[in-house]
Amino acid sequence: MADQITISKTLSIRNCGYDENWLQEKISNDPRILGLGELELVKREKSQSSGGRLDLLLTDSEDNSMMYEVEAMLGETDPSHIIRTIEYWDLERWRYPKRSHTAVLVAESINRRFFDVIQLLSRTIPIIAIQANIVEADGKRMLHFTTILDAYQEPEEESNGVVGIFDEHWWRSNKPTNVLNAEALVAVTGYPLEMDFTKSYVSLCFDGRRYFLFHAREGGKSRLRFSSSDSDIPKIKGVLDEANIPYDTKPSRSGGQRIHMSVDQKMIQSKPDLFKKLSEVVKQSMENEPKAE
């Protein structure tokens, strides 16, 4: 069995005949390959007031209040690469102060010395370090990205209800209607859904799983997001189509579909049977999926 496992080797991107422009193009064509979620390109080679150019400005397609300033280089990272990444992150942060910003440093190699520097900086600056390599196995070459430092990833994934200052108190003080919209859905489902609070959304959880995510929008609205298996999508579409409620669907990278729709407290309270039926289908779909360990 062991001799069936192929041994791979890491190759230099430049020695394979490619340059930094090629690497940037690969990322800009599909930003999801960085492994940071459902990202999309905002601008490539974005001019800066300092006279430089930001390699890539990305945003989260699921929550466009989050932006990523990406600087990519071949070979080992160096002080100028780190400084440039932080400088462009800071400029974009001032340009779009109402959005959350993360600096992303991409290089083929980040040695121990500079890793320690980046890790130290990450205590005060949201910065992610990613290694990009070409890996060869069985005569095939693949571009591979490995996140080696993400200081802000661990808190975001915790489900203890508090992520930094973005706890229940913060949401009720700053975006109370988003919480009220979530509470309205809890009231009509009849399930003991628990509210969880993160930097980007308020979620409704059951048995350790996030069932419904509420992203705050203007005018007291929320963007309600939830997932379903492909087999249950027709049921969900049938429920929403029957009530003439607009929605859109997107493929999920983990399989199945993500459904997005705009809701508010009044809408949910005026259609309790609809949302109760919807929650039943979503709950059944989630229960049919294997639970992550």
C-alpha atoms as a PDB file:
ATOM      1  CA  MET A   1       0.000   0.000   0.000  1.00  0.00           C
ATOM      2  CA  ALA A   2       2.825   2.397   0.918  1.00  0.00           C
ATOM      3  CA  ASP A   3       4.542   1.986  -2.475  1.00  0.00           C
ATOM      4  CA  GLN A   4       1.365   3.234  -4.158  1.00  0.00           C
ATOM      5  CA  ILE A   5       1.932   6.708  -2.712  1.00  0.00           C
ATOM      6  CA  THR A   6       3.611   9.054  -5.187  1.00  0.00           C
ATOM      7  CA  ILE A   7       6.519  11.169  -3.963  1.00  0.00           C
ATOM      8  CA  SER A   8       6.283  14.789  -5.125  1.00  0.00           C
ATOM      9  CA  LYS A   9       8.967  17.431  -5.433  1.00  0.00           C
ATOM     10  CA  THR A  10       8.794  21.214  -5.235  1.00  0.00           C
ATOM     11  CA  LEU A  11      10.069  23.207  -8.203  1.00  0.00           C
ATOM     12  CA  SER A  12      11.042  26.849  -8.598  1.00  0.00           C
ATOM     13  CA  ILE A  13       8.333  28.784 -10.451  1.00  0.00           C
ATOM     14  CA  ARG A  14      10.956  30.783 -12.337  1.00  0.00           C
ATOM     15  CA  ASN A  15      12.912  27.665 -13.291  1.00  0.00           C
ATOM     16  CA  CYS A  16       9.678  26.293 -14.759  1.00  0.00           C
ATOM     17  CA  GLY A  17       9.636  29.241 -17.143  1.00  0.00           C
ATOM     18  CA  TYR A  18       7.130  31.496 -15.394  1.00  0.00           C
ATOM     19  CA  ASP A  19       7.412  34.963 -13.855  1.00  0.00           C
ATOM     20  CA  GLU A  20       5.588  37.084 -11.278  1.00  0.00           C
ATOM     21  CA  ASN A  21       3.147  38.332 -13.892  1.00  0.00           C
ATOM     22  CA  TRP A  22       2.097  34.716 -14.534  1.00  0.00           C
ATOM     23  CA  LEU A  23       1.563  34.112 -10.812  1.00  0.00           C
ATOM     24  CA  GLN A  24      -0.523  37.277 -10.479  1.00  0.00           C
ATOM     25  CA  GLU A  25      -2.608  36.283 -13.485  1.00  0.00           C
ATOM     26  CA  LYS A  26      -3.298  32.844 -12.050  1.00  0.00           C
ATOM     27  CA  ILE A  27      -4.543  34.401  -8.812  1.00  0.00           C
ATOM     28  CA  SER A  28      -6.579  37.116 -10.537  1.00  0.00           C
ATOM     29  CA  ASN A  29      -8.285  34.571 -12.818  1.00  0.00           C
ATOM     30  CA  ASP A  30      -9.475  32.584  -9.784  1.00  0.00           C
ATOM     31  CA  PRO A  31      -8.706  34.224  -6.405  1.00  0.00           C
ATOM     32  CA  ARG A  32     -10.213  31.216  -4.624  1.00  0.00           C
ATOM     33  CA  ILE A  33      -6.985  29.275  -5.264  1.00  0.00           C
ATOM     34  CA  LEU A  34      -5.401  31.192  -2.376  1.00  0.00           C
ATOM     35  CA  GLY A  35      -7.571  29.140  -0.032  1.00  0.00           C
ATOM     36  CA  LEU A  36      -9.058  32.182   1.722  1.00  0.00           C
ATOM     37  CA  GLY A  37     -12.675  31.601   0.728  1.00  0.00           C
ATOM     38  CA  GLU A  38     -14.935  32.809  -2.066  1.00  0.00           C
ATOM     39  CA  LEU A  39     -12.841  35.767  -3.200  1.00  0.00           C
ATOM     40  CA  GLU A  40     -13.165  37.786  -6.385  1.00  0.00           C
ATOM     41  CA  LEU A  41     -10.935  40.324  -8.104  1.00  0.00           C
ATOM     42  CA  VAL A  42     -11.586  44.052  -7.631  1.00  0.00           C
ATOM     43  CA  LYS A  43      -8.481  45.441  -9.358  1.00  0.00           C
ATOM     44  CA  ARG A  44      -5.095  44.247 -10.572  1.00  0.00           C
ATOM     45  CA  GLU A  45      -2.007  46.507 -10.556  1.00  0.00           C
ATOM     46  CA  LYS A  46      -3.939  49.160  -8.623  1.00  0.00           C
ATOM     47  CA  SER A  47      -2.123  52.514  -8.583  1.00  0.00           C
ATOM     48  CA  GLN A  48      -1.253  53.877  -5.138  1.00  0.00           C
ATOM     49  CA  SER A  49      -0.783  57.455  -3.959  1.00  0.00           C
ATOM     50  CA  SER A  50       2.752  56.482  -2.929  1.00  0.00           C
ATOM     51  CA  GLY A  51       3.575  55.868  -6.583  1.00  0.00           C
ATOM     52  CA  GLY A  52       3.585  52.074  -6.422  1.00  0.00           C
ATOM     53  CA  ARG A  53       1.068  49.519  -7.628  1.00  0.00           C
ATOM     54  CA  LEU A  54      -0.813  47.012  -5.516  1.00  0.00           C
ATOM     55  CA  ASP A  55      -0.597  43.615  -7.230  1.00  0.00           C
ATOM     56  CA  LEU A  56      -4.145  42.503  -6.452  1.00  0.00           C
ATOM     57  CA  LEU A  57      -7.106  43.940  -4.574  1.00  0.00           C
ATOM     58  CA  LEU A  58      -9.617  41.216  -3.736  1.00  0.00           C
ATOM     59  CA  THR A  59     -12.957  41.144  -1.940  1.00  0.00           C
ATOM     60  CA  ASP A  60     -15.031  38.398  -0.359  1.00  0.00           C
ATOM     61  CA  SER A  61     -17.872  37.614  -2.759  1.00  0.00           C
ATOM     62  CA  GLU A  62     -20.029  36.529   0.187  1.00  0.00           C
ATOM     63  CA  ASP A  63     -19.388  39.697   2.190  1.00  0.00           C
ATOM     64  CA  ASN A  64     -18.012  42.624   0.182  1.00  0.00           C
ATOM     65  CA  SER A  65     -17.216  44.551   3.356  1.00  0.00           C
ATOM     66  CA  MET A  66     -14.029  42.457   3.533  1.00  0.00           C
ATOM     67  CA  MET A  67     -11.045  43.337   1.299  1.00  0.00           C
ATOM     68  CA  TYR A  68      -7.654  41.710   0.785  1.00  0.00           C
ATOM     69  CA  GLU A  69      -4.507  43.552  -0.344  1.00  0.00           C
ATOM     70  CA  VAL A  70      -2.275  40.956  -2.034  1.00  0.00           C
ATOM     71  CA  GLU A  71       1.403  41.325  -2.938  1.00  0.00           C
ATOM     72  CA  ALA A  72       2.987  38.355  -4.743  1.00  0.00           C
ATOM     73  CA  MET A  73       6.632  37.696  -5.548  1.00  0.00           C
ATOM     74  CA  LEU A  74       8.820  34.820  -6.689  1.00  0.00           C
ATOM     75  CA  GLY A  75      11.683  33.467  -4.635  1.00  0.00           C
ATOM     76  CA  GLU A  76      12.144  34.291  -0.959  1.00  0.00           C
ATOM     77  CA  THR A  77      10.301  37.158   0.659  1.00  0.00           C
ATOM     78  CA  ASP A  78      12.434  40.091   1.759  1.00  0.00           C
ATOM     79  CA  PRO A  79      12.031  43.268   3.854  1.00  0.00           C
ATOM     80  CA  SER A  80      10.864  45.372   0.878  1.00  0.00           C
ATOM     81  CA  HIS A  81       8.130  42.820   0.111  1.00  0.00           C
ATOM     82  CA  ILE A  82       6.842  42.925   3.687  1.00  0.00           C
ATOM     83  CA  ILE A  83       6.992  46.735   3.878  1.00  0.00           C
ATOM     84  CA  ARG A  84       5.257  47.109   0.503  1.00  0.00           C
ATOM     85  CA  THR A  85       2.454  44.735   1.516  1.00  0.00           C
ATOM     86  CA  ILE A  86       1.782  46.626   4.749  1.00  0.00           C
ATOM     87  CA  GLU A  87       2.065  50.038   3.042  1.00  0.00           C
ATOM     88  CA  TYR A  88      -0.538  49.163   0.403  1.00  0.00           C
ATOM     89  CA  TRP A  89      -2.793  47.568   3.029  1.00  0.00           C
ATOM     90  CA  ASP A  90      -2.668  50.816   5.031  1.00  0.00           C
ATOM     91  CA  LEU A  91      -3.399  53.000   1.989  1.00  0.00           C
ATOM     92  CA  GLU A  92      -6.440  50.935   1.008  1.00  0.00           C
ATOM     93  CA  ARG A  93      -7.600  50.889   4.632  1.00  0.00           C
ATOM     94  CA  TRP A  94      -7.699  54.687   4.646  1.00  0.00           C
ATOM     95  CA  ARG A  95      -9.332  54.758   1.223  1.00  0.00           C
ATOM     96  CA  TYR A  96     -12.145  52.424   2.320  1.00  0.00           C
ATOM     97  CA  PRO A  97     -12.437  52.981   6.095  1.00  0.00           C
ATOM     98  CA  LYS A  98     -15.808  51.253   6.451  1.00  0.00           C
ATOM     99  CA  ARG A  99     -14.453  47.929   5.205  1.00  0.00           C
ATOM    100  CA  SER A 100     -12.357  45.278   6.901  1.00  0.00           C
ATOM    101  CA  HIS A 101      -8.877  44.904   5.369  1.00  0.00           C
ATOM    102  CA  THR A 102      -6.325  42.091   5.442  1.00  0.00           C
ATOM    103  CA  ALA A 103      -2.785  42.213   4.052  1.00  0.00           C
ATOM    104  CA  VAL A 104      -1.803  39.071   2.139  1.00  0.00           C
ATOM    105  CA  LEU A 105       1.844  38.317   1.424  1.00  0.00           C
ATOM    106  CA  VAL A 106       2.505  35.613  -1.204  1.00  0.00           C
ATOM    107  CA  ALA A 107       5.992  34.244  -1.873  1.00  0.00           C
ATOM    108  CA  GLU A 108       7.656  30.984  -2.862  1.00  0.00           C
ATOM    109  CA  SER A 109       9.575  30.857   0.394  1.00  0.00           C
ATOM    110  CA  ILE A 110       9.248  32.594   3.750  1.00  0.00           C
ATOM    111  CA  ASN A 111      12.265  31.728   5.852  1.00  0.00           C
ATOM    112  CA  ARG A 112      12.275  31.528   9.627  1.00  0.00           C
ATOM    113  CA  ARG A 113      13.692  35.021  10.130  1.00  0.00           C
ATOM    114  CA  PHE A 114      10.971  36.769   8.154  1.00  0.00           C
ATOM    115  CA  PHE A 115       8.269  34.417   9.413  1.00  0.00           C
ATOM    116  CA  ASP A 116       9.060  35.597  12.949  1.00  0.00           C
ATOM    117  CA  VAL A 117       8.835  39.234  11.774  1.00  0.00           C
ATOM    118  CA  ILE A 118       5.466  38.668  10.090  1.00  0.00           C
ATOM    119  CA  GLN A 119       4.171  36.794  13.114  1.00  0.00           C
ATOM    120  CA  LEU A 120       5.191  39.709  15.339  1.00  0.00           C
ATOM    121  CA  LEU A 121       3.435  42.183  13.021  1.00  0.00           C
ATOM    122  CA  SER A 122       0.291  40.051  13.013  1.00  0.00           C
ATOM    123  CA  ARG A 123      -0.339  40.963  16.642  1.00  0.00           C
ATOM    124  CA  THR A 124      -1.447  44.423  15.504  1.00  0.00           C
ATOM    125  CA  ILE A 125      -1.968  44.056  11.730  1.00  0.00           C
ATOM    126  CA  PRO A 126      -4.284  41.505  10.094  1.00  0.00           C
ATOM    127  CA  ILE A 127      -1.746  39.821   7.814  1.00  0.00           C
ATOM    128  CA  ILE A 128      -1.720  36.438   6.105  1.00  0.00           C
ATOM    129  CA  ALA A 129       1.400  34.741   4.729  1.00  0.00           C
ATOM    130  CA  ILE A 130       1.037  32.227   1.888  1.00  0.00           C
ATOM    131  CA  GLN A 131       3.663  30.139   0.109  1.00  0.00           C
ATOM    132  CA  ALA A 132       3.153  29.493  -3.614  1.00  0.00           C
ATOM    133  CA  ASN A 133       4.937  26.560  -5.222  1.00  0.00           C
ATOM    134  CA  ILE A 134       4.842  24.342  -8.270  1.00  0.00           C
ATOM    135  CA  VAL A 135       4.665  20.711  -7.198  1.00  0.00           C
ATOM    136  CA  GLU A 136       5.524  17.871  -9.566  1.00  0.00           C
ATOM    137  CA  ALA A 137       4.199  14.323  -9.157  1.00  0.00           C
ATOM    138  CA  ASP A 138       3.740  11.519 -11.699  1.00  0.00           C
ATOM    139  CA  GLY A 139       5.010  13.837 -14.430  1.00  0.00           C
ATOM    140  CA  LYS A 140       2.321  16.439 -13.706  1.00  0.00           C
ATOM    141  CA  ARG A 141       2.954  19.935 -12.398  1.00  0.00           C
ATOM    142  CA  MET A 142       0.507  21.730 -10.119  1.00  0.00           C
ATOM    143  CA  LEU A 143       0.435  25.224  -8.632  1.00  0.00           C
ATOM    144  CA  HIS A 144      -0.073  24.864  -4.897  1.00  0.00           C
ATOM    145  CA  PHE A 145      -0.734  27.465  -2.175  1.00  0.00           C
ATOM    146  CA  THR A 146      -0.095  26.880   1.528  1.00  0.00           C
ATOM    147  CA  THR A 147      -1.192  29.322   4.238  1.00  0.00           C
ATOM    148  CA  ILE A 148       1.603  29.351   6.813  1.00  0.00           C
ATOM    149  CA  LEU A 149       0.352  32.235   8.951  1.00  0.00           C
ATOM    150  CA  ASP A 150      -3.203  33.466   9.434  1.00  0.00           C
ATOM    151  CA  ALA A 151      -3.471  35.224  12.776  1.00  0.00           C
ATOM    152  CA  TYR A 152      -7.131  36.106  12.172  1.00  0.00           C
ATOM    153  CA  GLN A 153      -8.349  32.708  10.993  1.00  0.00           C
ATOM    154  CA  GLU A 154      -8.477  30.899  14.325  1.00  0.00           C
ATOM    155  CA  PRO A 155     -10.809  33.374  16.136  1.00  0.00           C
ATOM    156  CA  GLU A 156     -13.152  33.517  13.152  1.00  0.00           C
ATOM    157  CA  GLU A 157     -13.700  29.768  13.270  1.00  0.00           C
ATOM    158  CA  GLU A 158     -14.401  29.571  16.981  1.00  0.00           C
ATOM    159  CA  SER A 159     -18.037  29.056  17.863  1.00  0.00           C
ATOM    160  CA  ASN A 160     -17.972  30.275  21.448  1.00  0.00           C
ATOM    161  CA  GLY A 161     -20.077  33.311  20.557  1.00  0.00           C
ATOM    162  CA  VAL A 162     -17.334  35.920  20.904  1.00  0.00           C
ATOM    163  CA  VAL A 163     -14.800  37.014  18.299  1.00  0.00           C
ATOM    164  CA  GLY A 164     -12.739  39.875  19.629  1.00  0.00           C
ATOM    165  CA  ILE A 165     -15.065  42.810  20.225  1.00  0.00           C
ATOM    166  CA  PHE A 166     -17.646  41.478  17.767  1.00  0.00           C
ATOM    167  CA  ASP A 167     -19.816  39.877  20.416  1.00  0.00           C
ATOM    168  CA  GLU A 168     -23.551  40.173  21.047  1.00  0.00           C
ATOM    169  CA  HIS A 169     -23.163  43.545  22.751  1.00  0.00           C
ATOM    170  CA  TRP A 170     -21.290  44.953  19.719  1.00  0.00           C
ATOM    171  CA  TRP A 171     -23.938  43.734  17.266  1.00  0.00           C
ATOM    172  CA  ARG A 172     -26.872  45.002  19.351  1.00  0.00           C
ATOM    173  CA  SER A 173     -25.166  48.365  19.754  1.00  0.00           C
ATOM    174  CA  ASN A 174     -23.982  48.837  16.167  1.00  0.00           C
ATOM    175  CA  LYS A 175     -26.278  46.771  13.926  1.00  0.00           C
ATOM    176  CA  PRO A 176     -29.312  45.885  16.058  1.00  0.00           C
ATOM    177  CA  THR A 177     -31.700  45.199  13.158  1.00  0.00           C
ATOM    178  CA  ASN A 178     -29.514  42.335  11.978  1.00  0.00           C
ATOM    179  CA  VAL A 179     -29.917  40.704  15.396  1.00  0.00           C
ATOM    180  CA  LEU A 180     -33.674  41.366  15.399  1.00  0.00           C
ATOM    181  CA  ASN A 181     -33.989  39.764  11.963  1.00  0.00           C
ATOM    182  CA  ALA A 182     -32.191  36.671  13.213  1.00  0.00           C
ATOM    183  CA  GLU A 183     -34.365  36.556  16.337  1.00  0.00           C
ATOM    184  CA  ALA A 184     -37.482  36.762  14.177  1.00  0.00           C
ATOM    185  CA  LEU A 185     -36.421  33.622  12.315  1.00  0.00           C
ATOM    186  CA  VAL A 186     -35.701  31.787  15.563  1.00  0.00           C
ATOM    187  CA  ALA A 187     -39.191  32.637  16.788  1.00  0.00           C
ATOM    188  CA  VAL A 188     -40.980  31.096  13.780  1.00  0.00           C
ATOM    189  CA  THR A 189     -38.857  27.949  13.333  1.00  0.00           C
ATOM    190  CA  GLY A 190     -39.720  26.284  16.628  1.00  0.00           C
ATOM    191  CA  TYR A 191     -36.176  24.930  16.884  1.00  0.00           C
ATOM    192  CA  PRO A 192     -33.754  25.701  19.753  1.00  0.00           C
ATOM    193  CA  LEU A 193     -31.404  27.636  17.474  1.00  0.00           C
ATOM    194  CA  GLU A 194     -28.546  29.414  19.238  1.00  0.00           C
ATOM    195  CA  MET A 195     -27.173  32.751  18.077  1.00  0.00           C
ATOM    196  CA  ASP A 196     -23.464  33.015  17.336  1.00  0.00           C
ATOM    197  CA  PHE A 197     -21.632  36.269  16.612  1.00  0.00           C
ATOM    198  CA  THR A 198     -18.617  36.805  14.357  1.00  0.00           C
ATOM    199  CA  LYS A 199     -16.982  39.784  12.725  1.00  0.00           C
ATOM    200  CA  SER A 200     -18.956  39.361   9.490  1.00  0.00           C
ATOM    201  CA  TYR A 201     -22.334  37.937  10.413  1.00  0.00           C
ATOM    202  CA  VAL A 202     -24.788  36.662  13.001  1.00  0.00           C
ATOM    203  CA  SER A 203     -25.488  32.962  12.631  1.00  0.00           C
ATOM    204  CA  LEU A 204     -28.129  30.580  13.934  1.00  0.00           C
ATOM    205  CA  CYS A 205     -26.674  27.285  15.074  1.00  0.00           C
ATOM    206  CA  PHE A 206     -28.038  23.894  16.055  1.00  0.00           C
ATOM    207  CA  ASP A 207     -26.032  20.932  17.335  1.00  0.00           C
ATOM    208  CA  GLY A 208     -22.760  22.710  16.559  1.00  0.00           C
ATOM    209  CA  ARG A 209     -23.663  23.584  12.950  1.00  0.00           C
ATOM    210  CA  ARG A 210     -24.349  26.971  11.413  1.00  0.00           C
ATOM    211  CA  TYR A 211     -27.746  26.773   9.719  1.00  0.00           C
ATOM    212  CA  PHE A 212     -28.498  30.384   8.810  1.00  0.00           C
ATOM    213  CA  LEU A 213     -26.140  33.359   8.400  1.00  0.00           C
ATOM    214  CA  PHE A 214     -27.354  36.976   8.591  1.00  0.00           C
ATOM    215  CA  HIS A 215     -25.174  39.642   6.947  1.00  0.00           C
ATOM    216  CA  ALA A 216     -26.199  43.199   7.843  1.00  0.00           C
ATOM    217  CA  ARG A 217     -27.401  45.408   5.013  1.00  0.00           C
ATOM    218  CA  GLU A 218     -28.741  48.955   4.756  1.00  0.00           C
ATOM    219  CA  GLY A 219     -32.310  49.920   5.636  1.00  0.00           C
ATOM    220  CA  GLY A 220     -32.778  47.290   8.313  1.00  0.00           C
ATOM    221  CA  LYS A 221     -32.317  44.466   5.820  1.00  0.00           C
ATOM    222  CA  SER A 222     -30.203  41.349   6.157  1.00  0.00           C
ATOM    223  CA  ARG A 223     -28.786  39.073   3.540  1.00  0.00           C
ATOM    224  CA  LEU A 224     -29.863  35.627   4.684  1.00  0.00           C
ATOM    225  CA  ARG A 225     -27.519  32.852   3.569  1.00  0.00           C
ATOM    226  CA  PHE A 226     -27.776  29.094   4.037  1.00  0.00           C
ATOM    227  CA  SER A 227     -26.601  25.922   2.328  1.00  0.00           C
ATOM    228  CA  SER A 228     -28.327  22.849   0.988  1.00  0.00           C
ATOM    229  CA  SER A 229     -27.433  19.613  -0.745  1.00  0.00           C
ATOM    230  CA  ASP A 230     -28.116  19.443  -4.475  1.00  0.00           C
ATOM    231  CA  SER A 231     -30.900  16.924  -3.886  1.00  0.00           C
ATOM    232  CA  ASP A 232     -32.798  19.311  -1.597  1.00  0.00           C
ATOM    233  CA  ILE A 233     -32.402  22.426  -3.751  1.00  0.00           C
ATOM    234  CA  PRO A 234     -35.619  21.748  -5.736  1.00  0.00           C
ATOM    235  CA  LYS A 235     -37.608  21.656  -2.466  1.00  0.00           C
ATOM    236  CA  ILE A 236     -36.155  24.963  -1.294  1.00  0.00           C
ATOM    237  CA  LYS A 237     -36.699  26.616  -4.660  1.00  0.00           C
ATOM    238  CA  GLY A 238     -40.267  25.346  -4.671  1.00  0.00           C
ATOM    239  CA  VAL A 239     -40.966  26.890  -1.259  1.00  0.00           C
ATOM    240  CA  LEU A 240     -39.492  30.270  -2.268  1.00  0.00           C
ATOM    241  CA  ASP A 241     -40.994  30.318  -5.766  1.00  0.00           C
ATOM    242  CA  GLU A 242     -44.450  29.591  -4.389  1.00  0.00           C
ATOM    243  CA  ALA A 243     -44.171  32.658  -2.150  1.00  0.00           C
ATOM    244  CA  ASN A 244     -42.655  34.793  -4.958  1.00  0.00           C
ATOM    245  CA  ILE A 245     -39.563  35.555  -2.873  1.00  0.00           C
ATOM    246  CA  PRO A 246     -36.454  36.583  -4.862  1.00  0.00           C
ATOM    247  CA  TYR A 247     -33.269  34.605  -4.226  1.00  0.00           C
ATOM    248  CA  ASP A 248     -30.106  33.491  -5.936  1.00  0.00           C
ATOM    249  CA  THR A 249     -27.980  30.368  -5.691  1.00  0.00           C
ATOM    250  CA  LYS A 250     -24.259  29.762  -5.966  1.00  0.00           C
ATOM    251  CA  PRO A 251     -22.296  26.491  -5.972  1.00  0.00           C
ATOM    252  CA  SER A 252     -20.558  25.783  -2.705  1.00  0.00           C
ATOM    253  CA  ARG A 253     -16.920  24.697  -2.793  1.00  0.00           C
ATOM    254  CA  SER A 254     -17.726  22.016  -0.211  1.00  0.00           C
ATOM    255  CA  GLY A 255     -20.555  20.666  -2.373  1.00  0.00           C
ATOM    256  CA  GLY A 256     -24.213  21.540  -2.711  1.00  0.00           C
ATOM    257  CA  GLN A 257     -25.552  25.068  -3.153  1.00  0.00           C
ATOM    258  CA  ARG A 258     -25.618  28.333  -1.199  1.00  0.00           C
ATOM    259  CA  ILE A 259     -28.872  30.279  -1.231  1.00  0.00           C
ATOM    260  CA  HIS A 260     -28.953  34.066  -0.734  1.00  0.00           C
ATOM    261  CA  MET A 261     -32.021  36.222  -0.114  1.00  0.00           C
ATOM    262  CA  SER A 262     -32.887  39.608   1.353  1.00  0.00           C
ATOM    263  CA  VAL A 263     -35.039  39.597   4.508  1.00  0.00           C
ATOM    264  CA  ASP A 264     -36.091  41.789   7.389  1.00  0.00           C
ATOM    265  CA  GLN A 265     -38.032  41.334  10.615  1.00  0.00           C
ATOM    266  CA  LYS A 266     -41.374  42.373   9.122  1.00  0.00           C
ATOM    267  CA  MET A 267     -41.050  40.004   6.178  1.00  0.00           C
ATOM    268  CA  ILE A 268     -40.242  37.006   8.389  1.00  0.00           C
ATOM    269  CA  GLN A 269     -43.033  37.759  10.873  1.00  0.00           C
ATOM    270  CA  SER A 270     -45.575  38.188   8.065  1.00  0.00           C
ATOM    271  CA  LYS A 271     -44.752  34.776   6.554  1.00  0.00           C
ATOM    272  CA  PRO A 272     -44.219  32.482   9.557  1.00  0.00           C
ATOM    273  CA  ASP A 273     -45.474  29.325   7.807  1.00  0.00           C
ATOM    274  CA  LEU A 274     -43.163  29.908   4.873  1.00  0.00           C
ATOM    275  CA  PHE A 275     -40.038  30.365   6.986  1.00  0.00           C
ATOM    276  CA  LYS A 276     -40.948  27.478   9.269  1.00  0.00           C
ATOM    277  CA  LYS A 277     -41.271  25.212   6.229  1.00  0.00           C
ATOM    278  CA  LEU A 278     -38.014  26.571   4.828  1.00  0.00           C
ATOM    279  CA  SER A 279     -36.189  25.900   8.095  1.00  0.00           C
ATOM    280  CA  GLU A 280     -37.505  22.325   8.147  1.00  0.00           C
ATOM    281  CA  VAL A 281     -36.099  21.628   4.681  1.00  0.00           C
ATOM    282  CA  VAL A 282     -32.751  23.232   5.542  1.00  0.00           C
ATOM    283  CA  LYS A 283     -32.545  21.310   8.828  1.00  0.00           C
ATOM    284  CA  GLN A 284     -33.285  18.031   7.090  1.00  0.00           C
ATOM    285  CA  SER A 285     -30.701  18.758   4.416  1.00  0.00           C
ATOM    286  CA  MET A 286     -28.063  19.586   7.038  1.00  0.00           C
ATOM    287  CA  GLU A 287     -28.826  16.461   9.035  1.00  0.00           C
ATOM    288  CA  ASN A 288     -28.332  14.305   5.940  1.00  0.00           C
ATOM    289  CA  GLU A 289     -24.808  15.674   5.540  1.00  0.00           C
ATOM    290  CA  PRO A 290     -21.986  14.081   7.571  1.00  0.00           C
ATOM    291  CA  LYS A 291     -20.994  16.251  10.507  1.00  0.00           C
ATOM    292  CA  ALA A 292     -17.377  17.445  10.518  1.00  0.00           C
ATOM    293  CA  GLU A 293     -15.273  16.041  13.333  1.00  0.00           C
END
